């Protein structure tokens, strides 16, 4: 045996030994998790604790002295957390599907591959599944940093009495996939309407001929259609194209390399404890009088509270033009300064939730 093969075999044996230790430690961890699950079930305590998971990752990142960076530690331990939750109490997660959608990726990034998933065709269906307890959690998109808010999500947050559990930020990379080998043969492209907007430069530069852009419920559905129809293509997530075995013609066709989408995890009557690094979402239905919005915003300025989002949406009350406001701020709704600031408006506010700030 050559020196190279001897060294390689020794390294592999060392790795095998480490793997043996890892599996012993993971099994030991799951034993403790099972005991924690029993305690939580007996006391009716919440299983999913995003602030606890975030604190563990922060601690591990600070302790890590090797080559593992935060992204690598998160990738490993978020999957461990997901497996652990299934030992504590398996919970169904609804998401905007079908499989392979960006929302599916966001859901798996927090709940892992082993969870019980329910893929639904619309954002409204995800909200309804959670509201009717067909799913414990729901994952929906809320905004893209290039194209803005998913307004349907805001509308359903105002309708359903559900809580925001956590936010997820996912880098978004689009591909164009088709059975056609040449883009000149593509006459129709399917995708989400927001995906078309995020890839408008590519569409302008690569399609000099007339092409129809047809919006569908998800980029995964766009893949399925493009797989069945001739002279069509899909703008989709690379994982969706691979899942449906639709050939990718070009990768990374989004206009911005910094393209990211923010997702929300929703549930019934969910309350996160204060962590000191929180974000809060709320619905404000202000009196229809001059200066109402200005006075409301001034309260936060005077209190030194940073409002990171204020967006109006139609209230859909009769034939008149009435609006409510979707507001997000840095801080927890239980913070004394937040409570004091909103106290004059407590009859006008619906708290959607406070959760660990990820962006």
Protein backbone atom coordinates (compact mmCIF):
# COMPACT_ATOMS: atom_id res chain seq x y z
CA UNK A 1 0.00 0.00 0.00
CA UNK A 2 1.38 3.41 -0.98
CA UNK A 3 2.04 6.16 1.55
CA UNK A 4 -0.85 8.13 0.04
CA UNK A 5 -3.31 5.26 0.55
CA UNK A 6 -2.03 4.65 4.08
CA UNK A 7 -2.51 8.30 5.03
CA UNK A 8 -5.93 8.38 3.38
CA UNK A 9 -7.03 5.22 5.20
CA UNK A 10 -5.83 6.60 8.54
CA UNK A 11 -7.72 9.88 7.98
CA UNK A 12 -10.86 7.97 7.03
CA UNK A 13 -10.55 5.79 10.14
CA UNK A 14 -10.15 8.91 12.28
CA UNK A 15 -13.26 10.41 10.68
CA UNK A 16 -15.17 7.18 11.28
CA UNK A 17 -14.17 7.32 14.93
CA UNK A 18 -15.44 10.89 15.23
CA UNK A 19 -18.69 9.91 13.50
CA UNK A 20 -19.11 7.06 16.00
CA UNK A 21 -18.74 9.55 18.84
CA UNK A 22 -21.14 11.99 17.17
CA UNK A 23 -23.89 9.38 16.84
CA UNK A 24 -23.47 8.43 20.51
CA UNK A 25 -23.71 12.09 21.55
CA UNK A 26 -26.71 12.74 19.29
CA UNK A 27 -28.55 9.74 20.71
CA UNK A 28 -27.73 10.99 24.20
CA UNK A 29 -29.06 14.44 23.23
CA UNK A 30 -32.31 12.89 21.99
CA UNK A 31 -32.74 11.06 25.30
CA UNK A 32 -32.65 14.42 27.08
CA UNK A 33 -34.97 15.88 24.44
CA UNK A 34 -37.51 13.12 25.09
CA UNK A 35 -37.45 13.98 28.82
CA UNK A 36 -37.89 17.69 28.01
CA UNK A 37 -40.81 16.78 25.74
CA UNK A 38 -42.51 14.85 28.55
CA UNK A 39 -42.11 17.80 30.92
CA UNK A 40 -43.49 20.22 28.34
CA UNK A 41 -46.49 18.04 27.52
CA UNK A 42 -47.34 17.62 31.20
CA UNK A 43 -47.16 21.39 31.78
CA UNK A 44 -48.72 22.31 28.40
CA UNK A 45 -45.57 24.29 27.49
CA UNK A 46 -44.79 25.32 23.91
CA UNK A 47 -42.48 22.96 22.04
CA UNK A 48 -41.08 25.38 19.46
CA UNK A 49 -38.93 28.05 21.09
CA UNK A 50 -37.14 30.05 18.35
CA UNK A 51 -35.47 32.39 20.87
CA UNK A 52 -33.94 29.36 22.67
CA UNK A 53 -32.65 27.92 19.38
CA UNK A 54 -31.20 31.30 18.39
CA UNK A 55 -29.46 31.60 21.77
CA UNK A 56 -27.93 28.12 21.36
CA UNK A 57 -26.56 29.03 17.92
CA UNK A 58 -25.17 32.33 19.24
CA UNK A 59 -23.40 30.45 22.03
CA UNK A 60 -22.00 27.79 19.70
CA UNK A 61 -20.72 30.41 17.25
CA UNK A 62 -18.90 32.18 20.08
CA UNK A 63 -17.44 28.86 21.28
CA UNK A 64 -16.36 27.64 17.84
CA UNK A 65 -12.59 27.87 17.36
CA UNK A 66 -12.36 25.86 14.15
CA UNK A 67 -13.38 26.28 10.51
CA UNK A 68 -17.15 26.22 11.07
CA UNK A 69 -18.67 29.68 10.55
CA UNK A 70 -22.15 30.80 11.61
CA UNK A 71 -23.80 29.65 8.37
CA UNK A 72 -22.34 26.16 8.73
CA UNK A 73 -23.28 25.91 12.41
CA UNK A 74 -26.82 27.07 11.64
CA UNK A 75 -27.19 24.53 8.82
CA UNK A 76 -26.13 21.67 11.10
CA UNK A 77 -27.96 22.63 14.26
CA UNK A 78 -31.23 23.80 12.70
CA UNK A 79 -31.60 20.26 11.36
CA UNK A 80 -30.75 18.86 14.79
CA UNK A 81 -33.34 21.16 16.35
CA UNK A 82 -35.93 20.02 13.81
CA UNK A 83 -35.28 16.34 14.55
CA UNK A 84 -35.40 17.13 18.27
CA UNK A 85 -38.83 18.78 17.96
CA UNK A 86 -40.15 15.64 16.32
CA UNK A 87 -38.98 13.67 19.35
CA UNK A 88 -40.72 16.15 21.65
CA UNK A 89 -43.97 16.40 19.70
CA UNK A 90 -44.44 15.93 15.93
CA UNK A 91 -46.25 18.97 14.53
CA UNK A 92 -47.72 19.55 11.09
CA UNK A 93 -46.45 22.54 9.13
CA UNK A 94 -48.46 24.08 6.28
CA UNK A 95 -46.70 26.12 3.61
CA UNK A 96 -47.30 27.74 0.23
CA UNK A 97 -46.51 24.85 -2.10
CA UNK A 98 -46.03 22.75 -4.01
CA UNK A 99 -42.84 20.97 -3.01
CA UNK A 100 -39.70 22.75 -4.13
CA UNK A 101 -41.12 26.26 -3.71
CA UNK A 102 -39.08 28.91 -1.93
CA UNK A 103 -41.58 28.76 0.93
CA UNK A 104 -40.95 25.01 1.17
CA UNK A 105 -37.23 25.72 1.44
CA UNK A 106 -37.90 28.30 4.16
CA UNK A 107 -40.07 25.81 6.08
CA UNK A 108 -37.47 23.06 5.87
CA UNK A 109 -34.74 25.47 7.02
CA UNK A 110 -36.55 25.67 10.37
CA UNK A 111 -38.47 22.41 10.67
CA UNK A 112 -36.11 20.02 8.86
CA UNK A 113 -36.74 17.27 6.36
CA UNK A 114 -38.49 14.94 8.83
CA UNK A 115 -41.44 17.16 9.76
CA UNK A 116 -45.01 16.53 8.65
CA UNK A 117 -45.60 19.05 5.86
CA UNK A 118 -48.81 20.18 4.21
CA UNK A 119 -48.28 21.85 0.82
CA UNK A 120 -51.14 24.21 -0.11
CA UNK A 121 -51.92 26.14 -3.27
CA UNK A 122 -52.51 29.60 -1.80
CA UNK A 123 -51.55 31.87 1.06
CA UNK A 124 -55.20 32.00 2.14
CA UNK A 125 -55.24 28.19 2.41
CA UNK A 126 -52.18 28.26 4.69
CA UNK A 127 -53.89 30.76 7.00
CA UNK A 128 -57.08 28.70 7.04
CA UNK A 129 -55.18 25.47 7.79
CA UNK A 130 -53.60 27.07 10.85
CA UNK A 131 -56.81 28.84 11.94
CA UNK A 132 -58.74 25.55 11.83
CA UNK A 133 -55.93 23.58 13.56
CA UNK A 134 -55.28 21.36 10.55
CA UNK A 135 -51.69 22.51 10.94
CA UNK A 136 -49.87 23.75 14.05
CA UNK A 137 -47.69 26.17 12.09
CA UNK A 138 -47.85 27.91 8.72
CA UNK A 139 -45.08 29.43 6.62
CA UNK A 140 -45.90 32.29 4.24
CA UNK A 141 -43.85 34.93 2.37
CA UNK A 142 -44.18 38.50 3.66
CA UNK A 143 -41.74 40.59 1.61
CA UNK A 144 -38.85 40.67 -0.82
CA UNK A 145 -36.05 43.17 -0.31
CA UNK A 146 -36.09 44.10 -4.01
CA UNK A 147 -39.80 44.16 -4.82
CA UNK A 148 -41.54 44.88 -1.54
CA UNK A 149 -44.42 43.37 0.36
CA UNK A 150 -46.58 40.34 -0.37
CA UNK A 151 -49.83 42.20 0.16
CA UNK A 152 -52.00 39.09 0.36
CA UNK A 153 -50.13 38.00 3.49
CA UNK A 154 -50.76 41.34 5.19
CA UNK A 155 -54.45 41.18 4.30
CA UNK A 156 -54.86 37.73 5.86
CA UNK A 157 -52.90 38.77 8.96
CA UNK A 158 -55.57 41.41 9.46
CA UNK A 159 -58.43 38.93 8.97
CA UNK A 160 -57.32 35.87 10.97
CA UNK A 161 -56.63 35.97 14.69
CA UNK A 162 -53.24 34.29 14.40
CA UNK A 163 -49.83 35.06 15.87
CA UNK A 164 -46.44 35.51 14.25
CA UNK A 165 -44.02 32.99 15.76
CA UNK A 166 -40.81 33.85 13.91
CA UNK A 167 -39.35 35.30 10.74
CA UNK A 168 -37.06 33.56 8.24
CA UNK A 169 -34.79 35.31 5.74
CA UNK A 170 -33.89 33.24 2.68
CA UNK A 171 -31.53 34.21 -0.18
CA UNK A 172 -33.44 33.94 -3.46
CA UNK A 173 -31.79 32.66 -6.63
CA UNK A 174 -33.82 32.10 -9.78
CA UNK A 175 -33.19 29.83 -12.77
CA UNK A 176 -34.94 29.61 -16.10
CA UNK A 177 -35.76 26.02 -16.97
CA UNK A 178 -37.33 24.51 -20.07
CA UNK A 179 -37.53 21.47 -22.30
CA UNK A 180 -36.57 23.81 -25.14
CA UNK A 181 -32.83 23.98 -25.76
CA UNK A 182 -32.98 27.49 -27.24
CA UNK A 183 -34.72 30.46 -25.63
CA UNK A 184 -35.79 31.60 -29.12
CA UNK A 185 -38.28 28.73 -29.16
CA UNK A 186 -39.90 29.79 -25.86
CA UNK A 187 -43.23 31.56 -26.42
CA UNK A 188 -44.62 31.46 -22.84
CA UNK A 189 -42.98 31.74 -19.43
CA UNK A 190 -44.68 30.72 -16.18
CA UNK A 191 -43.74 31.96 -12.72
CA UNK A 192 -44.88 34.00 -9.75
CA UNK A 193 -45.68 37.61 -10.60
CA UNK A 194 -43.07 38.78 -8.09
CA UNK A 195 -40.47 36.54 -9.76
CA UNK A 196 -41.10 38.23 -13.10
CA UNK A 197 -40.39 41.59 -11.46
CA UNK A 198 -37.21 40.28 -9.84
CA UNK A 199 -35.89 39.01 -13.18
CA UNK A 200 -37.02 41.83 -15.47
CA UNK A 201 -33.49 42.68 -16.66
CA UNK A 202 -32.90 39.09 -17.78
CA UNK A 203 -36.25 38.99 -19.56
CA UNK A 204 -35.47 42.25 -21.33
CA UNK A 205 -31.96 41.20 -22.39
CA UNK A 206 -32.62 37.59 -23.44
CA UNK A 207 -36.06 37.81 -25.05
CA UNK A 208 -36.07 40.14 -28.03
CA UNK A 209 -39.09 38.27 -29.45
CA UNK A 210 -42.58 38.52 -28.01
CA UNK A 211 -43.19 36.19 -25.10
CA UNK A 212 -46.17 35.77 -22.77
CA UNK A 213 -45.54 36.05 -19.04
CA UNK A 214 -48.21 34.08 -17.18
CA UNK A 215 -48.29 34.30 -13.36
CA UNK A 216 -49.13 31.13 -11.39
CA UNK A 217 -49.45 30.32 -7.69
CA UNK A 218 -45.82 29.23 -7.21
CA UNK A 219 -42.56 28.75 -9.06
CA UNK A 220 -42.83 25.00 -8.47
CA UNK A 221 -46.19 24.94 -10.24
CA UNK A 222 -44.54 26.87 -13.06
CA UNK A 223 -42.06 23.98 -13.39
CA UNK A 224 -44.83 21.41 -13.59
CA UNK A 225 -46.61 23.34 -16.35
CA UNK A 226 -43.42 23.91 -18.34
CA UNK A 227 -42.73 20.19 -18.14
CA UNK A 228 -46.08 19.44 -19.80
CA UNK A 229 -46.39 22.22 -22.41
CA UNK A 230 -44.22 22.77 -25.48
CA UNK A 231 -42.47 26.09 -26.17
CA UNK A 232 -42.73 27.13 -22.52
CA UNK A 233 -40.28 27.84 -19.72
CA UNK A 234 -40.35 28.39 -15.98
CA UNK A 235 -38.62 30.96 -13.82
CA UNK A 236 -38.14 28.96 -10.65
CA UNK A 237 -35.95 27.89 -7.79
CA UNK A 238 -33.09 25.62 -8.92
CA UNK A 239 -34.25 22.97 -6.43
CA UNK A 240 -37.70 22.92 -8.06
CA UNK A 241 -36.24 22.46 -11.54
CA UNK A 242 -34.10 19.57 -10.31
CA UNK A 243 -37.03 18.02 -8.44
CA UNK A 244 -39.22 18.02 -11.56
CA UNK A 245 -36.29 17.14 -13.82
CA UNK A 246 -36.78 20.23 -15.93
CA UNK A 247 -33.47 21.21 -17.60
CA UNK A 248 -31.97 24.48 -16.37
CA UNK A 249 -30.85 26.80 -19.16
CA UNK A 250 -29.47 29.62 -17.00
CA UNK A 251 -28.88 30.04 -13.26
CA UNK A 252 -28.87 33.21 -11.12
CA UNK A 253 -31.05 35.25 -13.47
CA UNK A 254 -32.35 37.56 -10.70
CA UNK A 255 -31.54 41.25 -11.11
CA UNK A 256 -29.78 41.58 -7.75
CA UNK A 257 -27.21 39.31 -6.13
CA UNK A 258 -28.59 40.51 -2.78
CA UNK A 259 -32.11 39.24 -3.52
CA UNK A 260 -33.72 37.95 -0.30
CA UNK A 261 -37.24 37.07 0.77
CA UNK A 262 -38.58 37.23 4.29
CA UNK A 263 -41.06 34.60 5.48
CA UNK A 264 -43.26 34.44 8.56
CA UNK A 265 -44.14 31.44 10.70
CA UNK A 266 -47.71 31.77 11.98
CA UNK A 267 -49.64 29.86 14.64
CA UNK A 268 -52.53 30.23 17.05
CA UNK A 269 -52.11 32.23 20.28
CA UNK A 270 -48.33 32.08 20.31
CA UNK A 271 -46.27 34.33 22.59
CA UNK A 272 -42.49 34.59 22.60
CA UNK A 273 -40.64 35.84 25.68
CA UNK A 274 -38.54 39.00 25.62
CA UNK A 275 -34.99 38.38 24.32
CA UNK A 276 -33.64 41.93 24.00
CA UNK A 277 -33.31 41.59 20.22
CA UNK A 278 -36.93 41.43 19.10
CA UNK A 279 -39.21 42.69 16.37
CA UNK A 280 -42.94 43.30 16.74
CA UNK A 281 -45.69 43.33 14.10
CA UNK A 282 -49.10 44.90 14.60
CA UNK A 283 -52.20 46.11 12.79
CA UNK A 284 -53.31 49.70 13.51
CA UNK A 285 -56.83 50.84 12.61
CA UNK A 286 -56.64 54.55 13.36
CA UNK A 287 -59.50 57.04 13.65
CA UNK A 288 -60.43 58.69 10.36
CA UNK A 289 -59.53 62.21 11.45
CA UNK A 290 -56.91 64.71 10.19
CA UNK A 291 -53.45 64.06 11.61
CA UNK A 292 -54.27 60.64 13.08
CA UNK A 293 -51.36 58.87 11.37
CA UNK A 294 -48.90 61.70 12.06
CA UNK A 295 -49.81 61.72 15.76
CA UNK A 296 -49.47 57.94 15.92
CA UNK A 297 -46.01 57.96 14.32
CA UNK A 298 -44.87 60.90 16.45
CA UNK A 299 -45.51 58.85 19.61
CA UNK A 300 -42.88 56.33 18.48
CA UNK A 301 -40.40 59.03 17.52
CA UNK A 302 -40.75 60.67 20.92
CA UNK A 303 -40.23 57.29 22.63
CA UNK A 304 -37.12 56.49 20.56
CA UNK A 305 -38.70 53.39 19.03
CA UNK A 306 -37.58 52.54 15.51
CA UNK A 307 -40.43 51.74 13.13
CA UNK A 308 -38.99 49.54 10.38
CA UNK A 309 -42.19 49.23 8.35
CA UNK A 310 -45.42 51.19 7.95
CA UNK A 311 -47.70 50.13 5.11
CA UNK A 312 -51.33 50.96 4.38
CA UNK A 313 -53.84 48.43 3.09
CA UNK A 314 -57.50 48.83 2.07
CA UNK A 315 -59.81 48.09 4.99
CA UNK A 316 -62.53 46.89 2.56
CA UNK A 317 -65.34 48.40 4.62
CA UNK A 318 -68.21 49.45 2.37
CA UNK A 319 -67.76 51.66 -0.68
CA UNK A 320 -65.55 54.30 0.93
CA UNK A 321 -61.76 54.39 0.80
CA UNK A 322 -60.70 53.29 4.27
CA UNK A 323 -57.33 51.89 5.31
CA UNK A 324 -55.54 50.03 8.08
CA UNK A 325 -51.80 50.10 8.70
CA UNK A 326 -49.38 47.20 8.99
CA UNK A 327 -46.63 48.37 11.35
CA UNK A 328 -43.38 46.74 12.46
CA UNK A 329 -41.02 48.02 15.12
CA UNK A 330 -37.81 46.99 16.83
CA UNK A 331 -38.62 45.85 20.34
CA UNK A 332 -41.02 43.52 22.17
CA UNK A 333 -44.65 44.41 22.80
CA UNK A 334 -44.09 43.64 26.50
CA UNK A 335 -41.33 46.27 26.73
CA UNK A 336 -42.58 49.00 29.11
CA UNK A 337 -41.65 51.76 26.65
CA UNK A 338 -43.66 50.06 23.89
CA UNK A 339 -46.67 49.53 26.15
CA UNK A 340 -46.58 53.17 27.29
CA UNK A 341 -46.29 54.43 23.70
CA UNK A 342 -49.28 52.51 22.35
CA UNK A 343 -51.48 52.86 25.43
CA UNK A 344 -53.50 55.77 23.93
CA UNK A 345 -54.22 53.54 20.90
CA UNK A 346 -54.84 50.20 22.63
CA UNK A 347 -58.40 50.02 21.23
CA UNK A 348 -57.06 50.53 17.71
CA UNK A 349 -54.24 47.99 17.75
CA UNK A 350 -54.09 44.26 17.08
CA UNK A 351 -50.84 42.68 18.22
CA UNK A 352 -49.65 40.10 15.68
CA UNK A 353 -46.61 39.00 17.64
CA UNK A 354 -43.10 39.69 18.90
CA UNK A 355 -40.28 37.41 17.80
CA UNK A 356 -36.51 37.19 17.45
CA UNK A 357 -35.27 39.75 14.92
CA UNK A 358 -33.50 38.10 11.97
CA UNK A 359 -33.19 41.15 9.71
